[in-house]
Amino acid sequence: MAIPERTSQETARTEEQQSSSPLGERVARLEGAYEHLATKADVNAVRTDIEKVRTEVESVRTEVESVRTDVEGVRGDIRALRWLFGILIAVASVGVAVVNVVVTLVLRT
């Protein structure tokens, strides 16, 4: 990959200026350029934050599993209620039929 002409000229000028600058100025310029870099403390702080996030993610996973278990329990309860209502409707239907037969027999006599 070719370096654009402008960039190589700027680099040459910068190197020329650095070589003609006193050593103290060059060191100060380098120190200024490194101010934005992370320190060991910064890296450790990020690691700590990452561990906190991992802990929170695990906590959320646990909560999600708990909710899934609860949902499965509710589904089971709903199935049981469906059966119960079905049985109640069947018993009520049989009861109505029995009453209807009894009333018909009473009215015949």
C-alpha atoms as a PDB file:
ATOM      1  CA  MET A   1       0.000   0.000   0.000  1.00  0.00           C
ATOM      2  CA  ALA A   2       1.482   3.321  -1.039  1.00  0.00           C
ATOM      3  CA  ILE A   3       1.728   6.186   1.439  1.00  0.00           C
ATOM      4  CA  PRO A   4       0.134   9.358   0.107  1.00  0.00           C
ATOM      5  CA  GLU A   5       2.655  11.993  -0.871  1.00  0.00           C
ATOM      6  CA  ARG A   6       1.260  14.541   1.561  1.00  0.00           C
ATOM      7  CA  THR A   7       1.597  12.218   4.566  1.00  0.00           C
ATOM      8  CA  SER A   8       5.176  11.301   3.771  1.00  0.00           C
ATOM      9  CA  GLN A   9       6.048  15.003   3.398  1.00  0.00           C
ATOM     10  CA  GLU A  10       4.414  15.833   6.745  1.00  0.00           C
ATOM     11  CA  THR A  11       6.295  12.973   8.385  1.00  0.00           C
ATOM     12  CA  ALA A  12       9.569  14.186   6.930  1.00  0.00           C
ATOM     13  CA  ARG A  13       8.901  17.716   8.215  1.00  0.00           C
ATOM     14  CA  THR A  14       7.986  16.413  11.684  1.00  0.00           C
ATOM     15  CA  GLU A  15      11.156  14.318  11.849  1.00  0.00           C
ATOM     16  CA  GLU A  16      13.173  17.309  10.694  1.00  0.00           C
ATOM     17  CA  GLN A  17      11.630  19.507  13.401  1.00  0.00           C
ATOM     18  CA  GLN A  18      12.211  16.876  16.062  1.00  0.00           C
ATOM     19  CA  SER A  19      15.846  16.439  15.160  1.00  0.00           C
ATOM     20  CA  SER A  20      16.407  20.189  15.320  1.00  0.00           C
ATOM     21  CA  SER A  21      14.416  20.587  18.601  1.00  0.00           C
ATOM     22  CA  PRO A  22      16.209  20.403  21.908  1.00  0.00           C
ATOM     23  CA  LEU A  23      15.889  17.096  23.724  1.00  0.00           C
ATOM     24  CA  GLY A  24      13.723  18.576  26.508  1.00  0.00           C
ATOM     25  CA  GLU A  25      11.130  19.813  24.024  1.00  0.00           C
ATOM     26  CA  ARG A  26      11.025  16.435  22.293  1.00  0.00           C
ATOM     27  CA  VAL A  27      10.553  14.633  25.605  1.00  0.00           C
ATOM     28  CA  ALA A  28       7.824  17.075  26.646  1.00  0.00           C
ATOM     29  CA  ARG A  29       6.039  16.550  23.331  1.00  0.00           C
ATOM     30  CA  LEU A  30       6.219  12.755  23.779  1.00  0.00           C
ATOM     31  CA  GLU A  31       5.002  12.991  27.374  1.00  0.00           C
ATOM     32  CA  GLY A  32       2.075  15.119  26.197  1.00  0.00           C
ATOM     33  CA  ALA A  33       1.223  12.564  23.557  1.00  0.00           C
ATOM     34  CA  TYR A  34       1.057   9.784  26.155  1.00  0.00           C
ATOM     35  CA  GLU A  35      -1.339  11.583  28.531  1.00  0.00           C
ATOM     36  CA  HIS A  36      -4.376  10.050  26.859  1.00  0.00           C
ATOM     37  CA  LEU A  37      -3.116   6.464  27.268  1.00  0.00           C
ATOM     38  CA  ALA A  38      -4.534   4.201  29.981  1.00  0.00           C
ATOM     39  CA  THR A  39      -2.572   3.518  33.131  1.00  0.00           C
ATOM     40  CA  LYS A  40      -2.475   0.252  35.062  1.00  0.00           C
ATOM     41  CA  ALA A  41      -5.028   1.725  37.444  1.00  0.00           C
ATOM     42  CA  ASP A  42      -7.325   2.508  34.494  1.00  0.00           C
ATOM     43  CA  VAL A  43      -6.985  -1.036  33.191  1.00  0.00           C
ATOM     44  CA  ASN A  44      -7.688  -2.468  36.641  1.00  0.00           C
ATOM     45  CA  ALA A  45     -10.733  -0.225  36.991  1.00  0.00           C
ATOM     46  CA  VAL A  46     -12.052  -1.512  33.667  1.00  0.00           C
ATOM     47  CA  ARG A  47     -11.423  -5.102  34.765  1.00  0.00           C
ATOM     48  CA  THR A  48     -13.341  -4.433  37.957  1.00  0.00           C
ATOM     49  CA  ASP A  49     -16.208  -2.936  35.962  1.00  0.00           C
ATOM     50  CA  ILE A  50     -16.232  -5.957  33.663  1.00  0.00           C
ATOM     51  CA  GLU A  51     -16.425  -8.293  36.637  1.00  0.00           C
ATOM     52  CA  LYS A  52     -19.335  -6.263  38.043  1.00  0.00           C
ATOM     53  CA  VAL A  53     -21.123  -6.548  34.691  1.00  0.00           C
ATOM     54  CA  ARG A  54     -20.481 -10.296  34.605  1.00  0.00           C
ATOM     55  CA  THR A  55     -21.921 -10.622  38.094  1.00  0.00           C
ATOM     56  CA  GLU A  56     -24.978  -8.611  37.088  1.00  0.00           C
ATOM     57  CA  VAL A  57     -25.438 -10.732  33.958  1.00  0.00           C
ATOM     58  CA  GLU A  58     -25.310 -13.899  36.067  1.00  0.00           C
ATOM     59  CA  SER A  59     -27.847 -12.363  38.437  1.00  0.00           C
ATOM     60  CA  VAL A  60     -30.150 -11.555  35.518  1.00  0.00           C
ATOM     61  CA  ARG A  61     -29.729 -15.093  34.152  1.00  0.00           C
ATOM     62  CA  THR A  62     -30.728 -16.485  37.538  1.00  0.00           C
ATOM     63  CA  GLU A  63     -33.770 -14.215  37.631  1.00  0.00           C
ATOM     64  CA  VAL A  64     -34.753 -15.232  34.094  1.00  0.00           C
ATOM     65  CA  GLU A  65     -34.525 -18.923  35.044  1.00  0.00           C
ATOM     66  CA  SER A  66     -36.660 -18.196  38.104  1.00  0.00           C
ATOM     67  CA  VAL A  67     -39.260 -16.438  35.959  1.00  0.00           C
ATOM     68  CA  ARG A  68     -39.232 -19.339  33.482  1.00  0.00           C
ATOM     69  CA  THR A  69     -39.878 -21.747  36.335  1.00  0.00           C
ATOM     70  CA  ASP A  70     -42.721 -19.548  37.579  1.00  0.00           C
ATOM     71  CA  VAL A  71     -44.224 -19.369  34.082  1.00  0.00           C
ATOM     72  CA  GLU A  72     -44.098 -23.148  33.769  1.00  0.00           C
ATOM     73  CA  GLY A  73     -45.871 -23.396  37.126  1.00  0.00           C
ATOM     74  CA  VAL A  74     -48.575 -20.991  35.969  1.00  0.00           C
ATOM     75  CA  ARG A  75     -48.991 -22.969  32.748  1.00  0.00           C
ATOM     76  CA  GLY A  76     -49.474 -26.111  34.807  1.00  0.00           C
ATOM     77  CA  ASP A  77     -52.038 -24.318  36.961  1.00  0.00           C
ATOM     78  CA  ILE A  78     -53.890 -23.141  33.851  1.00  0.00           C
ATOM     79  CA  ARG A  79     -53.978 -26.692  32.493  1.00  0.00           C
ATOM     80  CA  ALA A  80     -55.379 -27.905  35.814  1.00  0.00           C
ATOM     81  CA  LEU A  81     -58.021 -25.158  35.798  1.00  0.00           C
ATOM     82  CA  ARG A  82     -59.041 -26.085  32.253  1.00  0.00           C
ATOM     83  CA  TRP A  83     -59.546 -29.679  33.332  1.00  0.00           C
ATOM     84  CA  LEU A  84     -61.443 -28.554  36.411  1.00  0.00           C
ATOM     85  CA  PHE A  85     -63.768 -26.286  34.415  1.00  0.00           C
ATOM     86  CA  GLY A  86     -64.295 -29.021  31.841  1.00  0.00           C
ATOM     87  CA  ILE A  87     -65.246 -31.492  34.546  1.00  0.00           C
ATOM     88  CA  LEU A  88     -67.544 -28.929  36.225  1.00  0.00           C
ATOM     89  CA  ILE A  89     -69.276 -28.200  32.922  1.00  0.00           C
ATOM     90  CA  ALA A  90     -69.699 -31.934  32.284  1.00  0.00           C
ATOM     91  CA  VAL A  91     -71.125 -32.501  35.783  1.00  0.00           C
ATOM     92  CA  ALA A  92     -73.450 -29.504  35.386  1.00  0.00           C
ATOM     93  CA  SER A  93     -74.627 -30.837  32.022  1.00  0.00           C
ATOM     94  CA  VAL A  94     -75.330 -34.257  33.530  1.00  0.00           C
ATOM     95  CA  GLY A  95     -77.148 -32.566  36.414  1.00  0.00           C
ATOM     96  CA  VAL A  96     -79.322 -30.552  34.021  1.00  0.00           C
ATOM     97  CA  ALA A  97     -80.104 -33.696  32.041  1.00  0.00           C
ATOM     98  CA  VAL A  98     -81.071 -35.607  35.209  1.00  0.00           C
ATOM     99  CA  VAL A  99     -83.313 -32.750  36.366  1.00  0.00           C
ATOM    100  CA  ASN A 100     -84.880 -32.611  32.899  1.00  0.00           C
ATOM    101  CA  VAL A 101     -85.628 -36.374  32.989  1.00  0.00           C
ATOM    102  CA  VAL A 102     -87.041 -36.152  36.518  1.00  0.00           C
ATOM    103  CA  VAL A 103     -89.263 -33.192  35.600  1.00  0.00           C
ATOM    104  CA  THR A 104     -90.486 -34.993  32.470  1.00  0.00           C
ATOM    105  CA  LEU A 105     -91.335 -38.118  34.493  1.00  0.00           C
ATOM    106  CA  VAL A 106     -93.154 -36.080  37.171  1.00  0.00           C
ATOM    107  CA  LEU A 107     -95.221 -34.219  34.590  1.00  0.00           C
ATOM    108  CA  ARG A 108     -96.333 -37.480  32.903  1.00  0.00           C
ATOM    109  CA  THR A 109     -97.945 -38.886  35.982  1.00  0.00           C
END
